[in-house]
Amino acid sequence: MPRKARNEEEKGGSKIVTALLLVVIMALIGVLGYVLVETEIINFPQLTFTKAGAFEKALKENNYQAAATVFENSLSKEIELEKLNAHLQEYFDLCFSDTYEASVWTRYRGIEVFNEHIKEKVENKMDETVSRFYNNEFDETAAKTYLSRIAKFSFADEKLVYCVEQVEAKNASDTAYRKGVDLYNQEEFEQAVNELKKVSELDENRYPLAQTAIEACKNAWGTRELARAQEMVDAFNKNGAQELLEHLLEVFGEYPEAQEMLDSLKPVGEE
């Protein structure tokens, strides 16, 4: 073979080898950079942004398996969780929309791969919906409709039953509050407590007021009953004192002072 041709062949081979080496080197650099970012040894903002962008893109496409893969390979997960929460809120917004239809859940149902991270937010949104109903933002039919949409998640069946019960209890809760306030004003404290305890905890306006009124009943009536119980103890009427204290606990549910006095009447060693 002529020397010139042989030299050209050697040069051509060298170029191919060089190109292959460059490809291998770039691949190694890429792998090293990925490992360093994922292990947070170093932080490349641009690469972090790219990962978050891939996660957000997968969510927008309702490609939850792809999103879950990105999420699983991310160590910090803070940015991804922010994107996930925003995506979940988009679903909530649709649940309250007039344009909602069955296909909405069909698109979003794959989000259940993130149940561990969204369960609390879903349940809180259901509680919030009931509270908004108690604030007269929408009627009973609408409240039940919104709840049924939000509660499509596999973990939400029991929560849905509870929330629907609270919706249906609104009239009774409102009535109990009014009766409780009237009885308190009449100084019928025991009966007032019995009514105020019926106020729904999801009524964010009346429930705190009901709890305040119950504490007021405890101070006005409960302390007098405690004093009576102490008088019985001093008169060696422990059975009478015990019955009175047990009644107080039945009325109020929690009453530390009454429980402490009751415990002191028990024989030593008795639970």
Protein backbone atom coordinates (compact mmCIF):
# COMPACT_ATOMS: atom_id res chain seq x y z
CA MET A 1 0.00 0.00 0.00
CA PRO A 2 1.40 3.46 -0.85
CA ARG A 3 2.67 5.41 2.15
CA LYS A 4 0.33 8.34 1.49
CA ALA A 5 -2.74 6.15 1.51
CA ARG A 6 -1.56 4.37 4.64
CA ASN A 7 -1.01 7.70 6.43
CA GLU A 8 -4.47 8.89 5.46
CA GLU A 9 -5.97 5.64 6.76
CA GLU A 10 -4.09 5.99 10.04
CA LYS A 11 -5.27 9.59 10.36
CA GLY A 12 -8.84 8.51 9.67
CA GLY A 13 -8.60 5.78 12.30
CA SER A 14 -7.18 8.22 14.81
CA LYS A 15 -10.09 10.59 14.24
CA ILE A 16 -12.60 7.83 14.88
CA VAL A 17 -10.82 6.75 18.06
CA THR A 18 -10.65 10.36 19.21
CA ALA A 19 -14.35 10.86 18.53
CA LEU A 20 -15.22 7.70 20.45
CA LEU A 21 -13.08 8.79 23.36
CA LEU A 22 -14.80 12.18 23.40
CA VAL A 23 -18.20 10.49 23.46
CA VAL A 24 -17.14 8.25 26.34
CA ILE A 25 -15.64 11.18 28.25
CA MET A 26 -18.79 13.31 27.79
CA ALA A 27 -20.95 10.39 28.93
CA LEU A 28 -18.81 9.90 32.02
CA ILE A 29 -18.97 13.62 32.79
CA GLY A 30 -22.76 13.50 32.43
CA VAL A 31 -23.08 10.51 34.73
CA LEU A 32 -20.72 12.09 37.26
CA GLY A 33 -22.65 15.35 37.19
CA TYR A 34 -25.95 13.53 37.67
CA VAL A 35 -24.59 11.57 40.63
CA LEU A 36 -23.14 14.70 42.22
CA VAL A 37 -26.44 16.57 41.88
CA GLU A 38 -28.57 13.69 43.10
CA THR A 39 -26.35 13.09 46.10
CA GLU A 40 -26.24 16.86 46.70
CA ILE A 41 -22.44 16.82 46.86
CA ILE A 42 -22.63 19.80 44.54
CA ASN A 43 -25.60 21.75 43.27
CA PHE A 44 -26.08 22.79 39.68
CA PRO A 45 -29.14 25.07 39.67
CA GLN A 46 -29.69 24.52 35.97
CA LEU A 47 -29.81 20.74 36.36
CA THR A 48 -32.11 21.02 39.38
CA PHE A 49 -34.40 23.27 37.37
CA THR A 50 -34.38 20.75 34.53
CA LYS A 51 -35.46 17.94 36.86
CA ALA A 52 -38.26 20.07 38.32
CA GLY A 53 -39.31 20.99 34.80
CA ALA A 54 -39.50 17.34 33.81
CA PHE A 55 -41.64 16.61 36.89
CA GLU A 56 -44.00 19.51 36.17
CA LYS A 57 -44.25 18.54 32.50
CA ALA A 58 -45.20 14.96 33.44
CA LEU A 59 -47.90 16.25 35.81
CA LYS A 60 -49.37 18.56 33.18
CA GLU A 61 -49.54 15.62 30.80
CA ASN A 62 -51.15 13.50 33.56
CA ASN A 63 -48.25 11.10 33.11
CA TYR A 64 -48.02 10.17 36.76
CA GLN A 65 -45.75 7.18 36.33
CA ALA A 66 -43.15 9.40 34.68
CA ALA A 67 -43.62 11.98 37.42
CA ALA A 68 -43.23 9.29 40.07
CA THR A 69 -39.95 8.18 38.50
CA VAL A 70 -38.55 11.72 38.61
CA PHE A 71 -39.81 12.12 42.18
CA GLU A 72 -38.29 8.83 43.33
CA ASN A 73 -34.88 9.76 41.95
CA SER A 74 -34.91 13.18 43.61
CA LEU A 75 -33.40 13.41 47.08
CA SER A 76 -34.61 16.82 48.26
CA LYS A 77 -38.12 16.60 46.73
CA GLU A 78 -39.05 20.08 47.99
CA ILE A 79 -39.54 21.59 44.54
CA GLU A 80 -41.41 18.53 43.31
CA LEU A 81 -43.77 18.63 46.32
CA GLU A 82 -44.55 22.27 45.58
CA LYS A 83 -45.40 21.36 41.99
CA LEU A 84 -47.47 18.40 43.18
CA ASN A 85 -49.46 20.59 45.58
CA ALA A 86 -50.14 23.10 42.82
CA HIS A 87 -51.28 20.29 40.53
CA LEU A 88 -53.57 18.91 43.22
CA GLN A 89 -55.07 22.37 43.69
CA GLU A 90 -55.86 22.41 39.97
CA TYR A 91 -57.88 19.24 40.51
CA PHE A 92 -59.67 20.80 43.49
CA ASP A 93 -60.54 23.84 41.38
CA LEU A 94 -62.07 21.59 38.76
CA CYS A 95 -64.13 19.83 41.45
CA PHE A 96 -65.82 23.16 42.24
CA SER A 97 -66.21 24.08 38.59
CA ASP A 98 -69.41 23.99 36.56
CA THR A 99 -67.42 22.34 33.76
CA TYR A 100 -66.57 19.27 35.85
CA GLU A 101 -67.38 15.94 34.20
CA ALA A 102 -66.51 12.28 34.77
CA SER A 103 -63.49 12.47 32.48
CA VAL A 104 -61.77 14.80 34.95
CA TRP A 105 -61.12 12.01 37.44
CA THR A 106 -60.18 9.68 34.59
CA ARG A 107 -57.36 12.09 33.74
CA TYR A 108 -56.27 12.73 37.31
CA ARG A 109 -56.75 9.35 38.99
CA GLY A 110 -53.12 8.37 38.39
CA ILE A 111 -52.15 10.99 40.98
CA GLU A 112 -52.91 8.31 43.56
CA VAL A 113 -49.31 7.13 43.15
CA PHE A 114 -48.61 10.12 45.43
CA ASN A 115 -51.30 9.26 48.04
CA GLU A 116 -48.73 9.27 50.82
CA HIS A 117 -48.01 12.93 50.12
CA ILE A 118 -51.51 14.21 49.29
CA LYS A 119 -53.84 12.33 51.67
CA GLU A 120 -53.79 14.98 54.39
CA LYS A 121 -54.40 17.78 51.89
CA VAL A 122 -57.35 15.95 50.35
CA GLU A 123 -58.95 15.35 53.76
CA ASN A 124 -58.33 18.96 54.78
CA LYS A 125 -60.00 20.15 51.58
CA MET A 126 -63.04 18.02 52.44
CA ASP A 127 -63.22 19.55 55.93
CA GLU A 128 -62.83 22.99 54.40
CA THR A 129 -65.72 22.27 52.02
CA VAL A 130 -68.02 21.41 54.93
CA SER A 131 -66.93 24.55 56.77
CA ARG A 132 -67.72 26.64 53.72
CA PHE A 133 -71.16 25.04 53.62
CA TYR A 134 -71.68 25.99 57.27
CA ASN A 135 -70.74 29.54 56.26
CA ASN A 136 -73.55 29.41 53.66
CA GLU A 137 -71.24 29.68 50.64
CA PHE A 138 -73.32 27.02 48.86
CA ASP A 139 -76.33 24.81 49.56
CA GLU A 140 -76.47 21.21 50.78
CA THR A 141 -76.78 19.69 47.31
CA ALA A 142 -73.73 21.55 46.05
CA ALA A 143 -71.74 20.65 49.16
CA LYS A 144 -72.43 16.94 48.70
CA THR A 145 -71.58 17.18 45.01
CA TYR A 146 -68.23 18.85 45.66
CA LEU A 147 -67.41 16.36 48.40
CA SER A 148 -68.18 13.39 46.16
CA ARG A 149 -65.81 14.76 43.51
CA ILE A 150 -62.96 15.42 45.91
CA ALA A 151 -63.43 12.04 47.57
CA LYS A 152 -62.68 9.97 44.44
CA PHE A 153 -59.42 8.91 46.09
CA SER A 154 -59.26 5.31 47.32
CA PHE A 155 -58.52 6.41 50.90
CA ALA A 156 -61.39 8.90 51.18
CA ASP A 157 -64.47 6.67 51.61
CA GLU A 158 -64.62 6.89 55.40
CA LYS A 159 -63.88 10.61 55.36
CA LEU A 160 -66.67 11.16 52.84
CA VAL A 161 -69.19 9.43 55.11
CA TYR A 162 -68.13 11.66 58.01
CA CYS A 163 -68.30 14.87 55.97
CA VAL A 164 -71.72 14.06 54.53
CA GLU A 165 -72.97 13.38 58.07
CA GLN A 166 -71.68 16.79 59.13
CA VAL A 167 -73.41 18.43 56.18
CA GLU A 168 -76.69 16.75 57.07
CA ALA A 169 -76.24 17.75 60.71
CA LYS A 170 -76.06 21.47 59.99
CA ASN A 171 -79.64 22.25 61.00
CA ALA A 172 -79.29 20.25 64.22
CA SER A 173 -75.93 21.90 64.93
CA ASP A 174 -77.35 25.40 64.41
CA THR A 175 -80.35 24.58 66.59
CA ALA A 176 -78.14 23.13 69.34
CA TYR A 177 -76.04 26.29 69.37
CA ARG A 178 -79.04 28.56 69.73
CA LYS A 179 -80.54 26.40 72.49
CA GLY A 180 -77.19 26.20 74.27
CA VAL A 181 -76.79 29.97 74.30
CA ASP A 182 -80.36 30.46 75.56
CA LEU A 183 -79.88 27.90 78.34
CA TYR A 184 -76.59 29.49 79.33
CA ASN A 185 -78.25 32.88 79.61
CA GLN A 186 -80.90 31.25 81.83
CA GLU A 187 -78.09 29.78 83.95
CA GLU A 188 -79.21 26.25 83.08
CA PHE A 189 -75.57 25.29 82.73
CA GLU A 190 -75.79 21.51 82.63
CA GLN A 191 -78.44 21.54 79.91
CA ALA A 192 -76.50 24.24 78.07
CA VAL A 193 -73.41 22.04 77.92
CA ASN A 194 -75.45 19.11 76.61
CA GLU A 195 -76.64 21.27 73.72
CA LEU A 196 -73.35 23.04 73.00
CA LYS A 197 -71.55 19.69 72.68
CA LYS A 198 -73.72 18.97 69.63
CA VAL A 199 -72.28 21.87 67.63
CA SER A 200 -70.27 20.53 64.69
CA GLU A 201 -66.52 20.97 64.96
CA LEU A 202 -66.51 21.86 61.26
CA ASP A 203 -68.60 24.96 61.93
CA GLU A 204 -65.58 27.23 62.15
CA ASN A 205 -67.65 30.15 63.44
CA ARG A 206 -69.94 28.61 66.06
CA TYR A 207 -67.78 25.72 67.27
CA PRO A 208 -65.11 27.94 68.94
CA LEU A 209 -67.87 29.99 70.54
CA ALA A 210 -69.54 26.82 71.80
CA GLN A 211 -66.26 25.64 73.35
CA THR A 212 -65.82 29.00 75.06
CA ALA A 213 -69.36 28.77 76.43
CA ILE A 214 -68.71 25.24 77.72
CA GLU A 215 -65.66 26.50 79.60
CA ALA A 216 -67.80 29.28 81.03
CA CYS A 217 -70.31 26.67 82.22
CA LYS A 218 -67.48 24.74 83.79
CA ASN A 219 -66.36 27.81 85.70
CA ALA A 220 -69.86 28.87 86.74
CA TRP A 221 -71.42 25.50 87.55
CA GLY A 222 -68.65 22.93 87.50
CA THR A 223 -66.61 24.62 90.22
CA ARG A 224 -69.66 24.66 92.49
CA GLU A 225 -70.15 20.94 91.90
CA LEU A 226 -66.49 20.31 92.70
CA ALA A 227 -66.96 22.17 95.97
CA ARG A 228 -70.00 20.00 96.76
CA ALA A 229 -67.98 16.89 96.03
CA GLN A 230 -65.26 18.06 98.41
CA GLU A 231 -67.85 18.67 101.12
CA MET A 232 -69.06 15.09 100.67
CA VAL A 233 -65.50 13.79 100.96
CA ASP A 234 -65.00 15.80 104.14
CA ALA A 235 -68.21 14.29 105.50
CA PHE A 236 -66.93 10.78 104.63
CA ASN A 237 -69.54 10.41 101.90
CA LYS A 238 -67.12 9.12 99.28
CA ASN A 239 -69.79 7.26 97.33
CA GLY A 240 -71.84 10.43 96.91
CA ALA A 241 -68.74 12.37 95.89
CA GLN A 242 -67.79 9.69 93.40
CA GLU A 243 -71.22 9.71 91.78
CA LEU A 244 -71.17 13.51 91.51
CA LEU A 245 -67.68 13.57 89.97
CA GLU A 246 -68.54 10.83 87.49
CA HIS A 247 -71.59 12.84 86.45
CA LEU A 248 -69.43 15.92 85.90
CA LEU A 249 -67.11 13.91 83.66
CA GLU A 250 -70.08 12.57 81.75
CA VAL A 251 -71.39 16.08 81.16
CA PHE A 252 -68.12 17.76 80.19
CA GLY A 253 -66.21 14.83 78.76
CA GLU A 254 -62.87 16.20 79.91
CA TYR A 255 -62.56 17.85 83.29
CA PRO A 256 -59.04 17.45 84.76
CA GLU A 257 -59.92 18.77 88.21
CA ALA A 258 -62.88 16.38 88.53
CA GLN A 259 -60.79 13.46 87.26
CA GLU A 260 -58.01 14.24 89.73
CA MET A 261 -60.42 14.33 92.68
CA LEU A 262 -62.10 11.12 91.52
CA ASP A 263 -58.74 9.35 91.25
CA SER A 264 -57.90 10.43 94.80
CA LEU A 265 -60.97 8.58 96.09
CA LYS A 266 -59.83 5.23 94.72
CA PRO A 267 -58.11 2.79 97.09
CA VAL A 268 -54.32 2.75 96.78
CA GLY A 269 -53.23 0.41 93.99
CA GLU A 270 -56.59 0.42 92.22
CA GLU A 271 -56.53 1.57 88.59
